[in-house]
PDB file of N, CA and C in Angstrom:
ATOM      1  N   UNK A   1      -2.245 -40.272 -75.858  1.00  0.00           N
ATOM      2  CA  UNK A   1      -2.838 -41.119 -74.865  1.00  0.00           C
ATOM      3  C   UNK A   1      -1.890 -41.719 -73.902  1.00  0.00           C
ATOM      4  N   UNK A   2      -2.242 -41.831 -72.690  1.00  0.00           N
ATOM      5  CA  UNK A   2      -1.263 -42.294 -71.603  1.00  0.00           C
ATOM      6  C   UNK A   2      -1.230 -43.945 -71.724  1.00  0.00           C
ATOM      7  N   UNK A   3      -0.070 -44.377 -71.084  1.00  0.00           N
ATOM      8  CA  UNK A   3       0.133 -45.847 -71.122  1.00  0.00           C
ATOM      9  C   UNK A   3      -1.223 -46.514 -70.445  1.00  0.00           C
ATOM     10  N   UNK A   4      -1.612 -45.836 -69.278  1.00  0.00           N
ATOM     11  CA  UNK A   4      -2.731 -46.479 -68.513  1.00  0.00           C
ATOM     12  C   UNK A   4      -4.012 -46.517 -69.348  1.00  0.00           C
ATOM     13  N   UNK A   5      -4.387 -45.525 -70.267  1.00  0.00           N
ATOM     14  CA  UNK A   5      -5.456 -45.456 -71.046  1.00  0.00           C
ATOM     15  C   UNK A   5      -5.252 -46.458 -72.174  1.00  0.00           C
ATOM     16  N   UNK A   6      -4.043 -46.639 -72.753  1.00  0.00           N
ATOM     17  CA  UNK A   6      -3.730 -47.671 -73.703  1.00  0.00           C
ATOM     18  C   UNK A   6      -4.059 -49.013 -73.113  1.00  0.00           C
ATOM     19  N   UNK A   7      -3.676 -49.289 -71.887  1.00  0.00           N
ATOM     20  CA  UNK A   7      -3.809 -50.736 -71.381  1.00  0.00           C
ATOM     21  C   UNK A   7      -5.368 -50.931 -71.033  1.00  0.00           C
ATOM     22  N   UNK A   8      -6.012 -49.799 -70.657  1.00  0.00           N
ATOM     23  CA  UNK A   8      -7.538 -50.030 -70.356  1.00  0.00           C
ATOM     24  C   UNK A   8      -8.318 -50.405 -71.559  1.00  0.00           C
ATOM     25  N   UNK A   9      -7.761 -49.871 -72.801  1.00  0.00           N
ATOM     26  CA  UNK A   9      -8.497 -50.143 -73.988  1.00  0.00           C
ATOM     27  C   UNK A   9      -8.060 -51.401 -74.697  1.00  0.00           C
ATOM     28  N   UNK A  10      -6.702 -51.778 -74.477  1.00  0.00           N
ATOM     29  CA  UNK A  10      -6.203 -53.017 -75.154  1.00  0.00           C
ATOM     30  C   UNK A  10      -6.525 -54.385 -74.393  1.00  0.00           C
ATOM     31  N   UNK A  11      -6.585 -54.224 -73.058  1.00  0.00           N
ATOM     32  CA  UNK A  11      -6.674 -55.433 -72.169  1.00  0.00           C
ATOM     33  C   UNK A  11      -8.005 -55.433 -71.482  1.00  0.00           C
ATOM     34  N   UNK A  12      -8.878 -56.403 -71.832  1.00  0.00           N
ATOM     35  CA  UNK A  12     -10.139 -56.619 -71.136  1.00  0.00           C
ATOM     36  C   UNK A  12      -9.935 -57.394 -69.760  1.00  0.00           C
ATOM     37  N   UNK A  13     -10.984 -57.250 -69.032  1.00  0.00           N
ATOM     38  CA  UNK A  13     -10.933 -58.057 -67.893  1.00  0.00           C
ATOM     39  C   UNK A  13     -10.991 -59.693 -68.198  1.00  0.00           C
ATOM     40  N   UNK A  14     -11.694 -59.937 -69.253  1.00  0.00           N
ATOM     41  CA  UNK A  14     -11.590 -61.393 -69.579  1.00  0.00           C
ATOM     42  C   UNK A  14     -10.235 -61.926 -69.906  1.00  0.00           C
ATOM     43  N   UNK A  15      -9.546 -61.006 -70.627  1.00  0.00           N
ATOM     44  CA  UNK A  15      -8.194 -61.403 -71.030  1.00  0.00           C
ATOM     45  C   UNK A  15      -7.340 -61.477 -69.734  1.00  0.00           C
ATOM     46  N   UNK A  16      -7.518 -60.565 -68.922  1.00  0.00           N
ATOM     47  CA  UNK A  16      -6.666 -60.508 -67.699  1.00  0.00           C
ATOM     48  C   UNK A  16      -6.923 -61.643 -66.720  1.00  0.00           C
ATOM     49  N   UNK A  17      -8.223 -61.993 -66.651  1.00  0.00           N
ATOM     50  CA  UNK A  17      -8.577 -62.987 -65.773  1.00  0.00           C
ATOM     51  C   UNK A  17      -8.018 -64.312 -66.280  1.00  0.00           C
ATOM     52  N   UNK A  18      -8.196 -64.671 -67.528  1.00  0.00           N
ATOM     53  CA  UNK A  18      -7.592 -65.831 -68.125  1.00  0.00           C
ATOM     54  C   UNK A  18      -6.227 -65.902 -67.974  1.00  0.00           C
ATOM     55  N   UNK A  19      -5.486 -64.881 -68.207  1.00  0.00           N
ATOM     56  CA  UNK A  19      -4.031 -64.854 -68.092  1.00  0.00           C
ATOM     57  C   UNK A  19      -3.515 -65.250 -66.648  1.00  0.00           C
ATOM     58  N   UNK A  20      -4.331 -64.731 -65.661  1.00  0.00           N
ATOM     59  CA  UNK A  20      -3.841 -64.966 -64.292  1.00  0.00           C
ATOM     60  C   UNK A  20      -4.481 -66.116 -63.678  1.00  0.00           C
ATOM     61  N   UNK A  21      -5.212 -66.958 -64.394  1.00  0.00           N
ATOM     62  CA  UNK A  21      -5.728 -68.254 -63.904  1.00  0.00           C
ATOM     63  C   UNK A  21      -7.174 -68.174 -63.323  1.00  0.00           C
ATOM     64  N   UNK A  22      -8.014 -67.226 -63.611  1.00  0.00           N
ATOM     65  CA  UNK A  22      -9.288 -66.949 -63.117  1.00  0.00           C
ATOM     66  C   UNK A  22     -10.273 -67.244 -64.303  1.00  0.00           C
ATOM     67  N   UNK A  23     -11.579 -67.675 -63.961  1.00  0.00           N
ATOM     68  CA  UNK A  23     -12.569 -67.913 -64.879  1.00  0.00           C
ATOM     69  C   UNK A  23     -13.887 -67.491 -64.330  1.00  0.00           C
ATOM     70  N   UNK A  24     -14.655 -66.789 -65.058  1.00  0.00           N
ATOM     71  CA  UNK A  24     -16.091 -66.568 -64.683  1.00  0.00           C
ATOM     72  C   UNK A  24     -16.979 -67.812 -64.838  1.00  0.00           C
ATOM     73  N   UNK A  25     -17.993 -68.049 -63.971  1.00  0.00           N
ATOM     74  CA  UNK A  25     -18.839 -69.139 -64.290  1.00  0.00           C
ATOM     75  C   UNK A  25     -19.915 -68.805 -65.344  1.00  0.00           C
ATOM     76  N   UNK A  26     -20.813 -69.642 -65.452  1.00  0.00           N
ATOM     77  CA  UNK A  26     -21.780 -69.441 -66.527  1.00  0.00           C
ATOM     78  C   UNK A  26     -22.693 -68.289 -66.376  1.00  0.00           C
ATOM     79  N   UNK A  27     -22.784 -67.791 -65.147  1.00  0.00           N
ATOM     80  CA  UNK A  27     -23.538 -66.612 -64.795  1.00  0.00           C
ATOM     81  C   UNK A  27     -22.762 -65.410 -64.811  1.00  0.00           C
ATOM     82  N   UNK A  28     -21.528 -65.446 -65.079  1.00  0.00           N
ATOM     83  CA  UNK A  28     -20.711 -64.192 -65.206  1.00  0.00           C
ATOM     84  C   UNK A  28     -20.092 -63.774 -63.917  1.00  0.00           C
ATOM     85  N   UNK A  29     -19.973 -64.808 -62.955  1.00  0.00           N
ATOM     86  CA  UNK A  29     -19.444 -64.302 -61.587  1.00  0.00           C
ATOM     87  C   UNK A  29     -18.344 -65.393 -61.262  1.00  0.00           C
ATOM     88  N   UNK A  30     -17.567 -64.960 -60.246  1.00  0.00           N
ATOM     89  CA  UNK A  30     -16.504 -65.896 -59.741  1.00  0.00           C
ATOM     90  C   UNK A  30     -16.331 -65.599 -58.316  1.00  0.00           C
ATOM     91  N   UNK A  31     -15.625 -66.488 -57.533  1.00  0.00           N
ATOM     92  CA  UNK A  31     -15.134 -66.112 -56.167  1.00  0.00           C
ATOM     93  C   UNK A  31     -14.225 -65.108 -56.254  1.00  0.00           C
ATOM     94  N   UNK A  32     -14.270 -64.097 -55.279  1.00  0.00           N
ATOM     95  CA  UNK A  32     -13.428 -62.855 -55.382  1.00  0.00           C
ATOM     96  C   UNK A  32     -11.964 -63.319 -54.835  1.00  0.00           C
ATOM     97  N   UNK A  33     -10.914 -63.016 -55.491  1.00  0.00           N
ATOM     98  CA  UNK A  33      -9.653 -63.395 -55.100  1.00  0.00           C
ATOM     99  C   UNK A  33      -9.072 -62.660 -53.926  1.00  0.00           C
ATOM    100  N   UNK A  34      -9.852 -61.570 -53.477  1.00  0.00           N
ATOM    101  CA  UNK A  34      -9.358 -60.647 -52.417  1.00  0.00           C
ATOM    102  C   UNK A  34      -9.990 -60.962 -51.144  1.00  0.00           C
ATOM    103  N   UNK A  35     -10.951 -61.838 -51.001  1.00  0.00           N
ATOM    104  CA  UNK A  35     -11.342 -62.258 -49.684  1.00  0.00           C
ATOM    105  C   UNK A  35     -12.107 -63.683 -49.851  1.00  0.00           C
ATOM    106  N   UNK A  36     -12.266 -64.346 -48.754  1.00  0.00           N
ATOM    107  CA  UNK A  36     -12.833 -65.700 -48.743  1.00  0.00           C
ATOM    108  C   UNK A  36     -14.407 -65.564 -48.834  1.00  0.00           C
ATOM    109  N   UNK A  37     -15.034 -66.427 -49.552  1.00  0.00           N
ATOM    110  CA  UNK A  37     -16.394 -66.367 -49.675  1.00  0.00           C
ATOM    111  C   UNK A  37     -16.888 -67.716 -50.242  1.00  0.00           C
ATOM    112  N   UNK A  38     -18.171 -68.149 -49.932  1.00  0.00           N
ATOM    113  CA  UNK A  38     -18.781 -69.245 -50.381  1.00  0.00           C
ATOM    114  C   UNK A  38     -19.452 -69.144 -51.734  1.00  0.00           C
ATOM    115  N   UNK A  39     -20.155 -68.025 -51.863  1.00  0.00           N
ATOM    116  CA  UNK A  39     -20.882 -67.606 -53.084  1.00  0.00           C
ATOM    117  C   UNK A  39     -20.138 -66.580 -53.926  1.00  0.00           C
ATOM    118  N   UNK A  40     -19.998 -66.856 -55.160  1.00  0.00           N
ATOM    119  CA  UNK A  40     -19.311 -65.880 -56.077  1.00  0.00           C
ATOM    120  C   UNK A  40     -19.940 -64.646 -56.038  1.00  0.00           C
ATOM    121  N   UNK A  41     -19.178 -63.547 -55.773  1.00  0.00           N
ATOM    122  CA  UNK A  41     -19.768 -62.251 -55.690  1.00  0.00           C
ATOM    123  C   UNK A  41     -18.888 -61.182 -56.628  1.00  0.00           C
ATOM    124  N   UNK A  42     -17.908 -61.807 -57.363  1.00  0.00           N
ATOM    125  CA  UNK A  42     -17.082 -60.880 -58.180  1.00  0.00           C
ATOM    126  C   UNK A  42     -17.753 -60.919 -59.670  1.00  0.00           C
ATOM    127  N   UNK A  43     -17.992 -59.768 -60.195  1.00  0.00           N
ATOM    128  CA  UNK A  43     -18.594 -59.594 -61.546  1.00  0.00           C
ATOM    129  C   UNK A  43     -17.852 -58.652 -62.358  1.00  0.00           C
ATOM    130  N   UNK A  44     -17.912 -58.869 -63.707  1.00  0.00           N
ATOM    131  CA  UNK A  44     -17.331 -57.941 -64.725  1.00  0.00           C
ATOM    132  C   UNK A  44     -18.297 -57.038 -65.342  1.00  0.00           C
ATOM    133  N   UNK A  45     -18.144 -55.815 -65.557  1.00  0.00           N
ATOM    134  CA  UNK A  45     -19.205 -54.807 -66.146  1.00  0.00           C
ATOM    135  C   UNK A  45     -18.625 -54.067 -67.190  1.00  0.00           C
ATOM    136  N   UNK A  46     -19.443 -53.156 -67.694  1.00  0.00           N
ATOM    137  CA  UNK A  46     -19.148 -52.173 -68.823  1.00  0.00           C
ATOM    138  C   UNK A  46     -18.344 -52.744 -69.917  1.00  0.00           C
ATOM    139  N   UNK A  47     -18.780 -53.659 -70.629  1.00  0.00           N
ATOM    140  CA  UNK A  47     -18.202 -54.306 -71.794  1.00  0.00           C
ATOM    141  C   UNK A  47     -16.958 -54.874 -71.403  1.00  0.00           C
ATOM    142  N   UNK A  48     -16.802 -55.400 -70.281  1.00  0.00           N
ATOM    143  CA  UNK A  48     -15.533 -56.175 -69.909  1.00  0.00           C
ATOM    144  C   UNK A  48     -14.469 -55.169 -69.504  1.00  0.00           C
ATOM    145  N   UNK A  49     -14.657 -53.964 -69.130  1.00  0.00           N
ATOM    146  CA  UNK A  49     -13.527 -53.085 -68.667  1.00  0.00           C
ATOM    147  C   UNK A  49     -13.538 -52.703 -67.243  1.00  0.00           C
ATOM    148  N   UNK A  50     -14.460 -53.119 -66.571  1.00  0.00           N
ATOM    149  CA  UNK A  50     -14.608 -52.847 -65.106  1.00  0.00           C
ATOM    150  C   UNK A  50     -15.045 -54.039 -64.297  1.00  0.00           C
ATOM    151  N   UNK A  51     -14.680 -54.064 -63.106  1.00  0.00           N
ATOM    152  CA  UNK A  51     -15.146 -55.232 -62.192  1.00  0.00           C
ATOM    153  C   UNK A  51     -15.447 -54.623 -60.879  1.00  0.00           C
ATOM    154  N   UNK A  52     -16.372 -55.398 -60.120  1.00  0.00           N
ATOM    155  CA  UNK A  52     -16.862 -55.156 -58.804  1.00  0.00           C
ATOM    156  C   UNK A  52     -17.063 -56.442 -58.018  1.00  0.00           C
ATOM    157  N   UNK A  53     -16.814 -56.443 -56.777  1.00  0.00           N
ATOM    158  CA  UNK A  53     -17.011 -57.520 -55.775  1.00  0.00           C
ATOM    159  C   UNK A  53     -18.054 -56.985 -54.893  1.00  0.00           C
ATOM    160  N   UNK A  54     -19.192 -57.710 -54.845  1.00  0.00           N
ATOM    161  CA  UNK A  54     -20.262 -57.274 -54.033  1.00  0.00           C
ATOM    162  C   UNK A  54     -20.062 -57.830 -52.565  1.00  0.00           C
ATOM    163  N   UNK A  55     -19.115 -58.710 -52.407  1.00  0.00           N
ATOM    164  CA  UNK A  55     -18.742 -59.198 -51.051  1.00  0.00           C
ATOM    165  C   UNK A  55     -17.910 -58.210 -50.191  1.00  0.00           C
ATOM    166  N   UNK A  56     -16.800 -57.715 -50.824  1.00  0.00           N
ATOM    167  CA  UNK A  56     -15.872 -56.889 -50.005  1.00  0.00           C
ATOM    168  C   UNK A  56     -15.933 -55.388 -50.518  1.00  0.00           C
ATOM    169  N   UNK A  57     -16.582 -55.213 -51.612  1.00  0.00           N
ATOM    170  CA  UNK A  57     -16.761 -53.814 -52.112  1.00  0.00           C
ATOM    171  C   UNK A  57     -15.589 -53.306 -53.021  1.00  0.00           C
ATOM    172  N   UNK A  58     -14.616 -54.234 -53.297  1.00  0.00           N
ATOM    173  CA  UNK A  58     -13.553 -53.808 -54.169  1.00  0.00           C
ATOM    174  C   UNK A  58     -13.971 -53.667 -55.708  1.00  0.00           C
ATOM    175  N   UNK A  59     -13.331 -52.958 -56.408  1.00  0.00           N
ATOM    176  CA  UNK A  59     -13.692 -52.765 -57.840  1.00  0.00           C
ATOM    177  C   UNK A  59     -12.785 -51.912 -58.577  1.00  0.00           C
ATOM    178  N   UNK A  60     -12.993 -51.810 -59.835  1.00  0.00           N
ATOM    179  CA  UNK A  60     -12.227 -50.881 -60.590  1.00  0.00           C
ATOM    180  C   UNK A  60     -11.911 -51.363 -62.120  1.00  0.00           C
ATOM    181  N   UNK A  61     -10.676 -50.954 -62.644  1.00  0.00           N
ATOM    182  CA  UNK A  61     -10.323 -51.348 -63.838  1.00  0.00           C
ATOM    183  C   UNK A  61      -9.284 -52.366 -63.824  1.00  0.00           C
ATOM    184  N   UNK A  62      -8.750 -52.911 -65.067  1.00  0.00           N
ATOM    185  CA  UNK A  62      -7.696 -53.985 -65.073  1.00  0.00           C
ATOM    186  C   UNK A  62      -6.516 -53.558 -64.287  1.00  0.00           C
ATOM    187  N   UNK A  63      -6.169 -52.246 -64.190  1.00  0.00           N
ATOM    188  CA  UNK A  63      -5.124 -51.739 -63.503  1.00  0.00           C
ATOM    189  C   UNK A  63      -5.282 -51.958 -61.934  1.00  0.00           C
ATOM    190  N   UNK A  64      -6.443 -51.560 -61.542  1.00  0.00           N
ATOM    191  CA  UNK A  64      -6.856 -51.711 -60.010  1.00  0.00           C
ATOM    192  C   UNK A  64      -6.708 -53.123 -59.628  1.00  0.00           C
ATOM    193  N   UNK A  65      -7.166 -54.060 -60.541  1.00  0.00           N
ATOM    194  CA  UNK A  65      -7.172 -55.546 -60.279  1.00  0.00           C
ATOM    195  C   UNK A  65      -5.758 -56.021 -60.047  1.00  0.00           C
ATOM    196  N   UNK A  66      -4.932 -55.604 -60.952  1.00  0.00           N
ATOM    197  CA  UNK A  66      -3.490 -56.128 -60.770  1.00  0.00           C
ATOM    198  C   UNK A  66      -2.865 -55.469 -59.631  1.00  0.00           C
ATOM    199  N   UNK A  67      -3.034 -54.267 -59.356  1.00  0.00           N
ATOM    200  CA  UNK A  67      -2.602 -53.559 -58.124  1.00  0.00           C
ATOM    201  C   UNK A  67      -2.879 -54.507 -56.904  1.00  0.00           C
ATOM    202  N   UNK A  68      -4.134 -54.815 -56.789  1.00  0.00           N
ATOM    203  CA  UNK A  68      -4.646 -55.612 -55.573  1.00  0.00           C
ATOM    204  C   UNK A  68      -4.050 -57.041 -55.581  1.00  0.00           C
ATOM    205  N   UNK A  69      -4.198 -57.604 -56.771  1.00  0.00           N
ATOM    206  CA  UNK A  69      -3.849 -58.965 -56.887  1.00  0.00           C
ATOM    207  C   UNK A  69      -2.277 -59.188 -56.380  1.00  0.00           C
ATOM    208  N   UNK A  70      -1.581 -58.424 -56.982  1.00  0.00           N
ATOM    209  CA  UNK A  70      -0.048 -58.611 -56.697  1.00  0.00           C
ATOM    210  C   UNK A  70       0.471 -57.516 -55.815  1.00  0.00           C
ATOM    211  N   UNK A  71      -0.375 -56.837 -55.226  1.00  0.00           N
ATOM    212  CA  UNK A  71       0.044 -55.750 -54.151  1.00  0.00           C
ATOM    213  C   UNK A  71       1.202 -54.822 -54.727  1.00  0.00           C
ATOM    214  N   UNK A  72       0.759 -54.224 -55.852  1.00  0.00           N
ATOM    215  CA  UNK A  72       1.687 -53.300 -56.489  1.00  0.00           C
ATOM    216  C   UNK A  72       1.116 -51.931 -56.422  1.00  0.00           C
ATOM    217  N   UNK A  73       1.889 -50.891 -56.652  1.00  0.00           N
ATOM    218  CA  UNK A  73       1.449 -49.561 -56.806  1.00  0.00           C
ATOM    219  C   UNK A  73       1.045 -49.334 -58.334  1.00  0.00           C
ATOM    220  N   UNK A  74       0.446 -48.277 -58.639  1.00  0.00           N
ATOM    221  CA  UNK A  74      -0.138 -47.885 -59.977  1.00  0.00           C
ATOM    222  C   UNK A  74       0.999 -48.120 -60.884  1.00  0.00           C
ATOM    223  N   UNK A  75       2.147 -47.586 -60.739  1.00  0.00           N
ATOM    224  CA  UNK A  75       3.346 -47.633 -61.821  1.00  0.00           C
ATOM    225  C   UNK A  75       3.725 -49.021 -62.092  1.00  0.00           C
ATOM    226  N   UNK A  76       3.962 -49.793 -60.870  1.00  0.00           N
ATOM    227  CA  UNK A  76       4.368 -51.130 -60.943  1.00  0.00           C
ATOM    228  C   UNK A  76       3.178 -52.076 -61.794  1.00  0.00           C
ATOM    229  N   UNK A  77       2.023 -51.743 -61.429  1.00  0.00           N
ATOM    230  CA  UNK A  77       0.906 -52.480 -62.190  1.00  0.00           C
ATOM    231  C   UNK A  77       0.854 -52.302 -63.738  1.00  0.00           C
ATOM    232  N   UNK A  78       1.248 -51.106 -64.149  1.00  0.00           N
ATOM    233  CA  UNK A  78       1.334 -50.767 -65.528  1.00  0.00           C
ATOM    234  C   UNK A  78       2.305 -51.539 -66.055  1.00  0.00           C
ATOM    235  N   UNK A  79       3.413 -51.507 -65.489  1.00  0.00           N
ATOM    236  CA  UNK A  79       4.720 -52.228 -65.973  1.00  0.00           C
ATOM    237  C   UNK A  79       4.432 -53.781 -66.119  1.00  0.00           C
ATOM    238  N   UNK A  80       3.737 -54.338 -65.062  1.00  0.00           N
ATOM    239  CA  UNK A  80       3.424 -55.849 -65.097  1.00  0.00           C
ATOM    240  C   UNK A  80       2.534 -56.111 -66.190  1.00  0.00           C
ATOM    241  N   UNK A  81       1.456 -55.263 -66.385  1.00  0.00           N
ATOM    242  CA  UNK A  81       0.399 -55.693 -67.465  1.00  0.00           C
ATOM    243  C   UNK A  81       1.019 -55.447 -68.763  1.00  0.00           C
ATOM    244  N   UNK A  82       1.960 -54.320 -68.843  1.00  0.00           N
ATOM    245  CA  UNK A  82       2.692 -54.264 -70.257  1.00  0.00           C
ATOM    246  C   UNK A  82       3.598 -55.480 -70.602  1.00  0.00           C
ATOM    247  N   UNK A  83       4.155 -55.923 -69.454  1.00  0.00           N
ATOM    248  CA  UNK A  83       5.102 -57.045 -69.833  1.00  0.00           C
ATOM    249  C   UNK A  83       4.388 -58.257 -69.962  1.00  0.00           C
ATOM    250  N   UNK A  84       3.184 -58.632 -69.335  1.00  0.00           N
ATOM    251  CA  UNK A  84       2.407 -59.833 -69.406  1.00  0.00           C
ATOM    252  C   UNK A  84       1.593 -59.818 -70.834  1.00  0.00           C
ATOM    253  N   UNK A  85       1.247 -58.695 -71.314  1.00  0.00           N
ATOM    254  CA  UNK A  85       0.523 -58.584 -72.431  1.00  0.00           C
ATOM    255  C   UNK A  85       1.145 -57.964 -73.714  1.00  0.00           C
ATOM    256  N   UNK A  86       2.363 -57.710 -73.457  1.00  0.00           N
ATOM    257  CA  UNK A  86       3.344 -57.117 -74.595  1.00  0.00           C
ATOM    258  C   UNK A  86       2.765 -55.914 -75.191  1.00  0.00           C
TER     259      UNK A  86
END
């Protein structure tokens, strides 16, 4: 299995969001960190493995989230997640 697949199976969106200082509200949404909004439109899906923002259309896996959040390429995002989650 590849490092990316290992990460996707080992690190959930809930774990990732908590680590980077985000929290879903009681209805399972939060304000998207990738654009300004008044109403939370960011949601986590598929047993906590994928996310989607209905405001800006962004979405993906934990790796995609880290790529966008820290403006990293795929390889750098894998290294970052691996370092942050050991």
